[in-house]
Protein backbone atom coordinates (compact mmCIF):
# COMPACT_ATOMS: atom_id res chain seq x y z
CA MET A 1 -0.46 10.42 -3.00
CA THR A 2 -1.97 12.66 -0.08
CA ARG A 3 -5.02 13.44 -2.24
CA PHE A 4 -5.28 9.47 -2.08
CA LEU A 5 -5.14 9.38 1.19
CA LEU A 6 -7.30 12.48 2.55
CA LEU A 7 -10.46 10.92 0.55
CA ALA A 8 -9.86 7.83 2.17
CA GLY A 9 -9.77 9.68 5.73
CA ALA A 10 -12.75 11.57 4.36
CA VAL A 11 -15.55 8.44 3.77
CA VAL A 12 -19.15 9.13 5.04
CA LEU A 13 -20.57 5.62 4.68
CA SER A 14 -24.33 6.21 3.68
CA SER A 15 -27.62 4.03 4.25
CA CYS A 16 -26.94 0.69 1.95
CA GLY A 17 -28.08 1.66 -1.41
CA PRO A 18 -30.29 -0.55 -3.52
CA LYS A 19 -27.69 -0.13 -7.00
CA THR A 20 -25.50 -3.47 -7.03
CA LEU A 21 -21.71 -3.43 -7.59
CA ALA A 22 -19.70 -5.77 -9.72
CA LEU A 23 -16.00 -5.84 -9.55
CA PRO A 24 -14.66 -4.05 -12.80
CA ASP A 25 -12.79 -5.88 -15.47
CA GLU A 26 -10.39 -3.19 -16.11
CA PRO A 27 -7.14 -3.47 -13.81
CA VAL A 28 -6.87 0.20 -12.84
CA ASP A 29 -10.84 0.45 -12.34
CA ARG A 30 -10.20 -3.01 -10.15
CA ALA A 31 -7.71 -1.17 -8.04
CA ALA A 32 -9.64 1.72 -7.77
CA THR A 33 -12.39 0.20 -6.49
CA CYS A 34 -11.02 -2.27 -4.23
CA GLY A 35 -9.04 0.99 -2.33
CA VAL A 36 -12.43 2.44 -1.94
CA VAL A 37 -13.93 -0.61 -0.43
CA ALA A 38 -11.28 -0.82 1.45
CA ALA A 39 -11.42 2.52 2.75
CA ALA A 40 -15.44 1.92 3.27
CA GLU A 41 -14.81 -1.49 5.15
CA ALA A 42 -12.29 0.28 7.61
CA ARG A 43 -14.74 3.47 7.67
CA ALA A 44 -17.67 1.03 8.91
CA ALA A 45 -15.73 -0.18 11.58
CA THR A 46 -14.85 3.10 13.40
CA VAL A 47 -17.25 4.13 16.23
CA ASP A 48 -16.63 8.12 15.10
CA VAL A 49 -17.15 8.29 11.32
CA GLN A 50 -15.27 11.52 11.87
CA SER A 51 -11.98 9.98 13.45
CA ASP A 52 -8.95 9.42 11.41
CA LEU A 53 -8.92 5.97 10.00
CA PRO A 54 -6.19 3.41 12.38
CA PHE A 55 -2.63 3.76 10.51
CA GLU A 56 -3.10 -0.31 9.14
CA ALA A 57 -6.32 0.66 7.64
CA MET A 58 -5.04 3.02 5.64
CA VAL A 59 -2.14 1.02 5.02
CA ARG A 60 -4.41 -1.65 3.71
CA ILE A 61 -5.67 1.15 1.31
CA LEU A 62 -2.53 2.12 -0.13
CA HIS A 63 -1.71 -1.68 -1.10
CA TYR A 64 -4.42 -1.77 -3.83
CA PRO A 65 -2.13 1.45 -5.51
CA LEU A 66 1.10 -0.33 -4.31
CA LEU A 67 0.09 -3.46 -6.37
CA ALA A 68 -1.11 -1.90 -9.51
CA GLY A 69 2.03 -0.68 -9.48
CA SER A 70 3.76 -3.72 -9.39
CA THR A 71 2.13 -5.96 -11.60
CA GLY A 72 5.63 -5.99 -13.99
CA GLU A 73 8.86 -7.17 -12.42
CA ARG A 74 9.29 -3.38 -11.73
CA PHE A 75 7.05 -1.12 -9.86
CA SER A 76 5.30 2.21 -11.96
CA SER A 77 4.66 4.97 -9.62
CA GLU A 78 2.76 6.21 -13.08
CA ALA A 79 0.08 2.87 -12.63
CA ALA A 80 -0.48 3.58 -8.77
CA ALA A 81 -1.16 7.31 -9.30
CA SER A 82 -3.98 6.36 -12.01
CA VAL A 83 -5.58 4.00 -9.37
CA GLN A 84 -5.41 6.88 -6.98
CA ARG A 85 -7.22 9.31 -9.51
CA ARG A 86 -9.87 6.37 -10.72
CA MET A 87 -10.35 5.97 -6.57
CA THR A 88 -11.51 9.62 -6.58
CA ASP A 89 -13.85 9.92 -9.31
CA LEU A 90 -15.22 5.64 -8.51
CA GLN A 91 -15.67 6.58 -4.45
CA ASP A 92 -19.08 8.44 -4.81
CA GLY A 93 -21.08 5.53 -6.78
CA ILE A 94 -19.52 2.79 -4.38
CA ILE A 95 -20.21 4.06 -1.18
CA ASP A 96 -23.63 4.52 -2.24
CA GLY A 97 -24.64 1.03 -3.40
CA LYS A 98 -23.91 -2.36 -2.04
CA TRP A 99 -20.07 -2.32 -1.57
CA GLN A 100 -20.00 -5.22 1.09
CA PRO A 101 -19.71 -8.17 -1.32
CA LEU A 102 -16.93 -6.56 -3.00
CA VAL A 103 -15.13 -7.27 -0.15
CA ALA A 104 -14.66 -11.15 -0.78
CA GLU A 105 -14.03 -10.23 -4.33
CA CYS A 106 -11.41 -8.03 -3.63
CA LYS A 107 -9.46 -10.54 -2.02
CA ALA A 108 -10.45 -13.11 -3.94
CA ALA A 109 -8.74 -10.65 -6.70
CA PHE A 110 -5.82 -9.08 -4.67
CA PRO A 111 -4.44 -12.10 -3.29
CA ALA A 112 -1.75 -10.30 -1.68
CA THR A 113 -3.84 -8.52 0.28
CA ALA A 114 -4.92 -11.54 2.29
CA VAL A 115 -1.81 -13.06 2.96
CA GLU A 116 -1.61 -14.31 6.50
CA THR A 117 1.77 -15.52 6.92
CA VAL A 118 4.40 -12.87 5.58
CA LYS A 119 7.73 -14.22 4.58
CA LEU A 120 10.73 -11.63 3.85
CA PRO A 121 13.02 -12.72 0.79
CA ALA A 122 15.83 -15.20 1.83
CA ASN A 123 18.68 -12.91 0.14
CA ARG A 124 19.46 -10.69 2.65
CA PHE A 125 19.90 -7.78 0.21
CA ASP A 126 16.70 -8.43 -1.48
CA ALA A 127 14.89 -8.59 1.82
CA GLN A 128 16.49 -5.07 2.97
CA LEU A 129 16.22 -3.26 -0.13
CA GLY A 130 12.85 -4.58 -0.25
CA CYS A 131 12.19 -3.07 3.34
CA TYR A 132 13.51 0.28 2.48
CA GLU A 133 11.86 0.75 -0.42
CA LEU A 134 8.30 -0.29 1.10
CA GLY A 135 9.08 1.71 4.20
CA ASP A 136 9.62 4.89 2.22
CA PHE A 137 6.67 4.22 0.48
CA ILE A 138 4.39 4.14 2.64
CA ARG A 139 6.03 7.33 4.55
CA SER A 140 5.74 9.48 1.32
CA ALA A 141 1.81 8.24 1.29
CA LEU A 142 1.84 9.18 5.37
CA ASP A 143 4.45 11.45 6.17
CA LYS A 144 2.25 14.99 5.79
CA GLN A 145 -0.59 13.35 8.23
CA GLY A 146 0.77 14.30 11.59
CA GLU A 147 -1.92 11.42 13.13
CA TYR A 148 0.44 8.86 11.86
CA ASP A 149 3.75 10.14 12.86
CA LYS A 150 4.26 7.86 15.82
CA ASP A 151 2.92 4.53 13.69
CA LEU A 152 5.67 5.90 10.92
CA GLN A 153 8.50 6.17 13.61
CA ALA A 154 9.70 2.82 13.64
CA TYR A 155 10.13 2.85 9.95
CA ARG A 156 11.93 5.89 9.56
CA ASP A 157 14.19 4.23 12.48
CA LEU A 158 14.24 1.16 9.79
CA GLY A 159 15.07 3.23 6.94
CA GLN A 160 17.99 4.79 8.75
CA LYS A 161 19.42 1.99 9.80
CA LEU A 162 19.24 0.32 6.45
CA ASP A 163 20.42 3.28 4.49
CA THR A 164 23.94 2.43 5.17
CA ALA A 165 24.38 -1.32 4.62
CA LEU A 166 22.28 -0.67 1.11
CA SER A 167 25.05 2.58 0.54
CA LEU A 168 27.51 0.11 0.37
CA ALA A 169 25.93 -3.30 -1.10
CA MET A 170 24.37 -1.26 -3.78
CA PRO A 171 26.80 -0.81 -5.91
CA ALA A 172 27.78 -4.70 -6.17
CA ARG A 173 24.61 -5.35 -6.91
CA ALA A 174 23.32 -3.06 -9.42
CA GLY A 175 26.35 -1.17 -10.22
CA SER A 176 27.55 2.65 -9.39
CA THR A 177 25.06 4.23 -11.83
CA ALA A 178 22.09 6.40 -10.50
CA ALA A 179 19.73 4.60 -13.06
CA ALA A 180 20.75 0.87 -12.33
CA GLN A 181 20.10 1.79 -9.11
CA GLN A 182 16.75 3.01 -9.55
CA GLU A 183 15.80 0.30 -11.59
CA GLU A 184 17.18 -2.14 -8.74
CA ARG A 185 14.47 -0.22 -6.57
CA THR A 186 11.81 -0.35 -8.70
CA LYS A 187 12.24 -4.01 -8.77
CA ALA A 188 12.53 -4.39 -5.18
CA LEU A 189 9.43 -2.62 -4.13
CA SER A 190 7.16 -4.25 -6.48
CA ALA A 191 8.18 -7.89 -5.25
CA MET A 192 7.86 -6.95 -1.56
CA ALA A 193 3.98 -5.41 -2.52
CA LYS A 194 2.88 -9.50 -3.04
CA LEU A 195 4.22 -10.85 -0.28
CA GLY A 196 0.92 -9.77 1.91
CA PRO A 197 -0.29 -6.91 3.84
CA PRO A 198 2.36 -3.91 3.74
CA ALA A 199 1.92 -3.37 7.54
CA ALA A 200 2.64 -6.91 7.99
CA VAL A 201 4.99 -6.81 5.74
CA MET A 202 6.91 -3.74 7.74
CA ARG A 203 6.45 -5.56 11.24
CA GLU A 204 8.55 -8.52 9.84
CA CYS A 205 11.10 -5.71 8.53
CA VAL A 206 10.82 -4.05 11.74
CA ALA A 207 11.77 -7.12 13.80
CA LYS A 208 14.79 -8.43 11.65
CA PHE A 209 16.53 -5.45 10.96
CA GLY A 210 15.15 -2.54 12.77
CA GLY A 211 17.14 -4.06 16.64
C-alpha cells in the first residue's frame, strides 16, 4: 500500500476545473475514485498543502481499498491492490475536475465510511481477531511513513496484547493448519471493514482490549 499512500500525501489541489465528474459504475474504479476524493477533501482541509495529511485522514483514504477487498465474506488483497493502482491512474483527472459533489455520493456508495457509532462484534474472539487484523492492515500500510509512528504505537501495543490470546484460541476456532487460520483472518478483516471508519473501529478496539 505504500505507493498509494505516497500518492495521497502528494495530492496538491488545483483550482476547481470545469469538468463535471460522475461516480463510476465499475466497482474498482468507484472505490478508487472515492479514495482520491477523500484525499482531495483532506488536502483541501489542511492549511499547508505541503504538510503531511493527518493520521485519521490517511486512514479514511485507506478505507476505500479496504472496502473494495471486503465485498465478499473474505478479504481480497488483490482487489484492494487493484484499487490502489487505479487511484494512481485516476488522480489527475479527478483533482482537476469538480470532485466536491462526489463527497456525498461516495458516502452513499460506501455507507460504512459514514457510520457514526461503531459497535464491535459481540463474540469476543471475533472482536479480538478483527481488531488484530484491522490494526495490522493499517500498520502495514503506514509503518514506513515515520510521521505516523506515534499514532500507530497504540495499534502495535494492542497487537502484542492480542497475539497471545489469539494464538491460544485460534486452533479451537479454525483448526491447526495455517491455511484454515488464514481464512479465518481474512473473514475477520472483511467483517471489520464494514463496521465503520477504521480509525473509529480501532478506538473501540483499543478501549476494549488495550487496557
